[in-house]
Amino acid sequence: MGPVHSRISEEERQIIQIEVGNATTVRRIAVMLGRSASNVSREIKRNTWFALNQNESYRPSARPNGAPVCPAGHGA
């Protein structure tokens, strides 16, 4: 049986957001969450955090070159 893959939870995303704001390294955040550094790095690159209301902690945003973000599971 292969490795079990689980999505990053909302709570983990909030921790990543806080730790990125505290200038914590990707490797240190990964150790805190028990995740690989590559997973944390991808999550940081994939998402920009800004709260629209208290029920939302992050939302995907447009990429720096202005290209739209691909729907989940489609493209890079």
N, C-alpha and C. Protein backbone atom coordinates (compact mmCIF):
# COMPACT_ATOMS: atom_id res chain seq x y z
N MET A 1 0.85 -1.18 0.00
CA MET A 1 0.00 0.00 0.00
C MET A 1 0.89 1.24 0.00
N GLY A 2 0.58 2.21 -0.84
CA GLY A 2 1.39 3.42 -0.99
C GLY A 2 1.15 4.41 0.14
N PRO A 3 1.84 5.54 0.06
CA PRO A 3 1.68 6.55 1.10
C PRO A 3 0.28 7.16 1.08
N VAL A 4 -0.16 7.59 2.23
CA VAL A 4 -1.47 8.23 2.35
C VAL A 4 -1.27 9.73 2.16
N HIS A 5 -2.03 10.30 1.25
CA HIS A 5 -1.95 11.74 1.00
C HIS A 5 -3.19 12.41 1.56
N SER A 6 -2.99 13.45 2.32
CA SER A 6 -4.14 14.20 2.84
C SER A 6 -3.95 15.67 2.51
N ARG A 7 -5.05 16.32 2.28
CA ARG A 7 -5.02 17.74 1.95
C ARG A 7 -4.68 18.54 3.19
N ILE A 8 -4.12 19.71 2.95
CA ILE A 8 -3.81 20.60 4.06
C ILE A 8 -5.13 21.15 4.59
N SER A 9 -5.31 21.07 5.90
CA SER A 9 -6.56 21.49 6.52
C SER A 9 -6.62 23.01 6.66
N GLU A 10 -7.79 23.51 6.92
CA GLU A 10 -7.98 24.93 7.15
C GLU A 10 -7.13 25.39 8.34
N GLU A 11 -7.08 24.60 9.38
CA GLU A 11 -6.26 24.94 10.56
C GLU A 11 -4.78 25.03 10.18
N GLU A 12 -4.31 24.09 9.37
CA GLU A 12 -2.91 24.12 8.93
C GLU A 12 -2.65 25.35 8.07
N ARG A 13 -3.60 25.71 7.23
CA ARG A 13 -3.44 26.92 6.40
C ARG A 13 -3.31 28.16 7.27
N GLN A 14 -4.10 28.22 8.34
CA GLN A 14 -4.02 29.36 9.25
C GLN A 14 -2.66 29.41 9.94
N ILE A 15 -2.15 28.25 10.33
CA ILE A 15 -0.83 28.19 10.94
C ILE A 15 0.23 28.65 9.95
N ILE A 16 0.14 28.19 8.71
CA ILE A 16 1.09 28.60 7.68
C ILE A 16 1.03 30.12 7.51
N GLN A 17 -0.17 30.66 7.46
CA GLN A 17 -0.34 32.11 7.30
C GLN A 17 0.36 32.86 8.43
N ILE A 18 0.12 32.45 9.65
CA ILE A 18 0.71 33.11 10.81
C ILE A 18 2.23 33.00 10.78
N GLU A 19 2.72 31.80 10.51
CA GLU A 19 4.16 31.58 10.53
C GLU A 19 4.87 32.29 9.39
N VAL A 20 4.25 32.36 8.22
CA VAL A 20 4.84 33.13 7.12
C VAL A 20 4.94 34.60 7.54
N GLY A 21 3.91 35.10 8.20
CA GLY A 21 3.94 36.48 8.71
C GLY A 21 5.01 36.70 9.75
N ASN A 22 5.37 35.65 10.47
CA ASN A 22 6.43 35.73 11.48
C ASN A 22 7.80 35.45 10.89
N ALA A 23 7.88 35.29 9.57
CA ALA A 23 9.14 35.01 8.86
C ALA A 23 9.75 33.67 9.25
N THR A 24 8.91 32.71 9.62
CA THR A 24 9.38 31.35 9.92
C THR A 24 9.73 30.66 8.61
N THR A 25 10.81 29.88 8.62
CA THR A 25 11.23 29.21 7.40
C THR A 25 10.24 28.13 7.01
N VAL A 26 10.23 27.80 5.72
CA VAL A 26 9.34 26.76 5.21
C VAL A 26 9.65 25.43 5.91
N ARG A 27 10.91 25.13 6.08
CA ARG A 27 11.29 23.86 6.73
C ARG A 27 10.79 23.80 8.18
N ARG A 28 10.89 24.90 8.88
CA ARG A 28 10.43 24.92 10.27
C ARG A 28 8.91 24.77 10.34
N ILE A 29 8.19 25.43 9.43
CA ILE A 29 6.73 25.28 9.38
C ILE A 29 6.38 23.83 9.09
N ALA A 30 7.10 23.22 8.15
CA ALA A 30 6.84 21.82 7.79
C ALA A 30 7.03 20.91 9.00
N VAL A 31 8.07 21.13 9.78
CA VAL A 31 8.30 20.31 10.98
C VAL A 31 7.17 20.52 11.97
N MET A 32 6.73 21.76 12.14
CA MET A 32 5.64 22.06 13.08
C MET A 32 4.36 21.30 12.70
N LEU A 33 4.11 21.20 11.38
CA LEU A 33 2.88 20.58 10.89
C LEU A 33 3.02 19.08 10.64
N GLY A 34 4.24 18.57 10.67
CA GLY A 34 4.45 17.17 10.35
C GLY A 34 4.22 16.90 8.87
N ARG A 35 4.56 17.88 8.04
CA ARG A 35 4.39 17.80 6.58
C ARG A 35 5.75 17.97 5.93
N SER A 36 5.82 17.65 4.64
CA SER A 36 7.07 17.87 3.93
C SER A 36 7.20 19.35 3.59
N ALA A 37 8.45 19.81 3.49
CA ALA A 37 8.71 21.20 3.14
C ALA A 37 8.14 21.52 1.76
N SER A 38 8.16 20.55 0.85
CA SER A 38 7.62 20.81 -0.49
C SER A 38 6.12 21.06 -0.44
N ASN A 39 5.39 20.34 0.42
CA ASN A 39 3.94 20.57 0.54
C ASN A 39 3.66 21.97 1.06
N VAL A 40 4.42 22.39 2.08
CA VAL A 40 4.22 23.71 2.66
C VAL A 40 4.58 24.78 1.63
N SER A 41 5.69 24.59 0.94
CA SER A 41 6.12 25.54 -0.08
C SER A 41 5.07 25.69 -1.18
N ARG A 42 4.52 24.57 -1.64
CA ARG A 42 3.47 24.63 -2.68
C ARG A 42 2.25 25.37 -2.17
N GLU A 43 1.88 25.15 -0.93
CA GLU A 43 0.72 25.83 -0.36
C GLU A 43 0.95 27.33 -0.30
N ILE A 44 2.14 27.75 0.07
CA ILE A 44 2.46 29.17 0.14
C ILE A 44 2.42 29.78 -1.26
N LYS A 45 2.99 29.10 -2.23
CA LYS A 45 3.01 29.61 -3.61
C LYS A 45 1.61 29.63 -4.22
N ARG A 46 0.80 28.66 -3.85
CA ARG A 46 -0.53 28.50 -4.44
C ARG A 46 -1.52 29.54 -3.93
N ASN A 47 -1.35 30.00 -2.72
CA ASN A 47 -2.37 30.83 -2.09
C ASN A 47 -1.81 32.12 -1.53
N THR A 48 -2.61 33.14 -1.61
CA THR A 48 -2.33 34.40 -0.96
C THR A 48 -3.46 34.59 0.05
N TRP A 49 -3.10 34.96 1.25
CA TRP A 49 -4.10 35.06 2.30
C TRP A 49 -4.60 36.47 2.47
N PHE A 50 -5.91 36.62 2.49
CA PHE A 50 -6.54 37.87 2.89
C PHE A 50 -7.96 37.53 3.31
N ALA A 51 -8.34 37.99 4.47
CA ALA A 51 -9.66 37.68 5.01
C ALA A 51 -10.69 38.65 4.47
N LEU A 52 -11.75 38.10 3.87
CA LEU A 52 -12.87 38.92 3.46
C LEU A 52 -13.88 39.03 4.59
N ASN A 53 -13.95 37.98 5.39
CA ASN A 53 -14.76 37.99 6.59
C ASN A 53 -14.19 36.94 7.53
N GLN A 54 -14.73 36.81 8.71
CA GLN A 54 -14.15 35.91 9.69
C GLN A 54 -14.29 34.43 9.32
N ASN A 55 -15.09 34.10 8.32
CA ASN A 55 -15.25 32.71 7.90
C ASN A 55 -14.23 32.31 6.84
N GLU A 56 -13.44 33.25 6.35
CA GLU A 56 -12.47 32.95 5.31
C GLU A 56 -11.07 33.32 5.80
N SER A 57 -10.14 32.38 5.66
CA SER A 57 -8.78 32.69 6.10
C SER A 57 -7.84 32.87 4.92
N TYR A 58 -8.19 32.37 3.77
CA TYR A 58 -7.35 32.57 2.59
C TYR A 58 -8.18 32.37 1.35
N ARG A 59 -7.71 32.94 0.27
CA ARG A 59 -8.37 32.76 -1.02
C ARG A 59 -7.30 32.73 -2.08
N PRO A 60 -7.46 31.90 -3.10
CA PRO A 60 -6.51 31.92 -4.20
C PRO A 60 -6.57 33.28 -4.89
N SER A 61 -5.46 33.73 -5.39
CA SER A 61 -5.44 35.00 -6.09
C SER A 61 -4.83 34.81 -7.47
N ALA A 62 -4.85 35.84 -8.26
CA ALA A 62 -4.22 35.76 -9.58
C ALA A 62 -2.72 35.59 -9.41
N ARG A 63 -2.10 34.96 -10.38
CA ARG A 63 -0.66 34.77 -10.34
C ARG A 63 0.03 36.10 -10.64
N PRO A 64 1.29 36.23 -10.21
CA PRO A 64 1.99 37.51 -10.38
C PRO A 64 2.02 38.02 -11.82
N ASN A 65 2.08 37.12 -12.80
CA ASN A 65 2.13 37.58 -14.19
C ASN A 65 0.74 37.95 -14.73
N GLY A 66 -0.27 37.89 -13.87
CA GLY A 66 -1.62 38.26 -14.26
C GLY A 66 -2.46 37.11 -14.78
N ALA A 67 -1.84 35.93 -14.96
CA ALA A 67 -2.59 34.77 -15.42
C ALA A 67 -3.54 34.32 -14.32
N PRO A 68 -4.74 33.89 -14.67
CA PRO A 68 -5.68 33.42 -13.64
C PRO A 68 -5.21 32.10 -13.03
N VAL A 69 -5.66 31.84 -11.83
CA VAL A 69 -5.37 30.60 -11.16
C VAL A 69 -6.23 29.51 -11.78
N CYS A 70 -5.62 28.37 -12.08
CA CYS A 70 -6.36 27.24 -12.66
C CYS A 70 -7.28 26.66 -11.61
N PRO A 71 -8.44 26.11 -12.02
CA PRO A 71 -9.32 25.45 -11.07
C PRO A 71 -8.59 24.30 -10.40
N ALA A 72 -9.00 23.93 -9.21
CA ALA A 72 -8.36 22.87 -8.44
C ALA A 72 -8.20 21.62 -9.26
N GLY A 73 -6.98 21.09 -9.26
CA GLY A 73 -6.72 19.84 -9.94
C GLY A 73 -6.45 19.98 -11.43
N HIS A 74 -6.41 21.19 -11.94
CA HIS A 74 -6.19 21.40 -13.37
C HIS A 74 -4.97 22.28 -13.58
N GLY A 75 -3.94 21.73 -14.15
CA GLY A 75 -2.76 22.53 -14.48
C GLY A 75 -1.87 22.77 -13.29
N ALA A 76 -0.84 23.55 -13.53
CA ALA A 76 0.15 23.81 -12.49
C ALA A 76 -0.09 25.13 -11.79
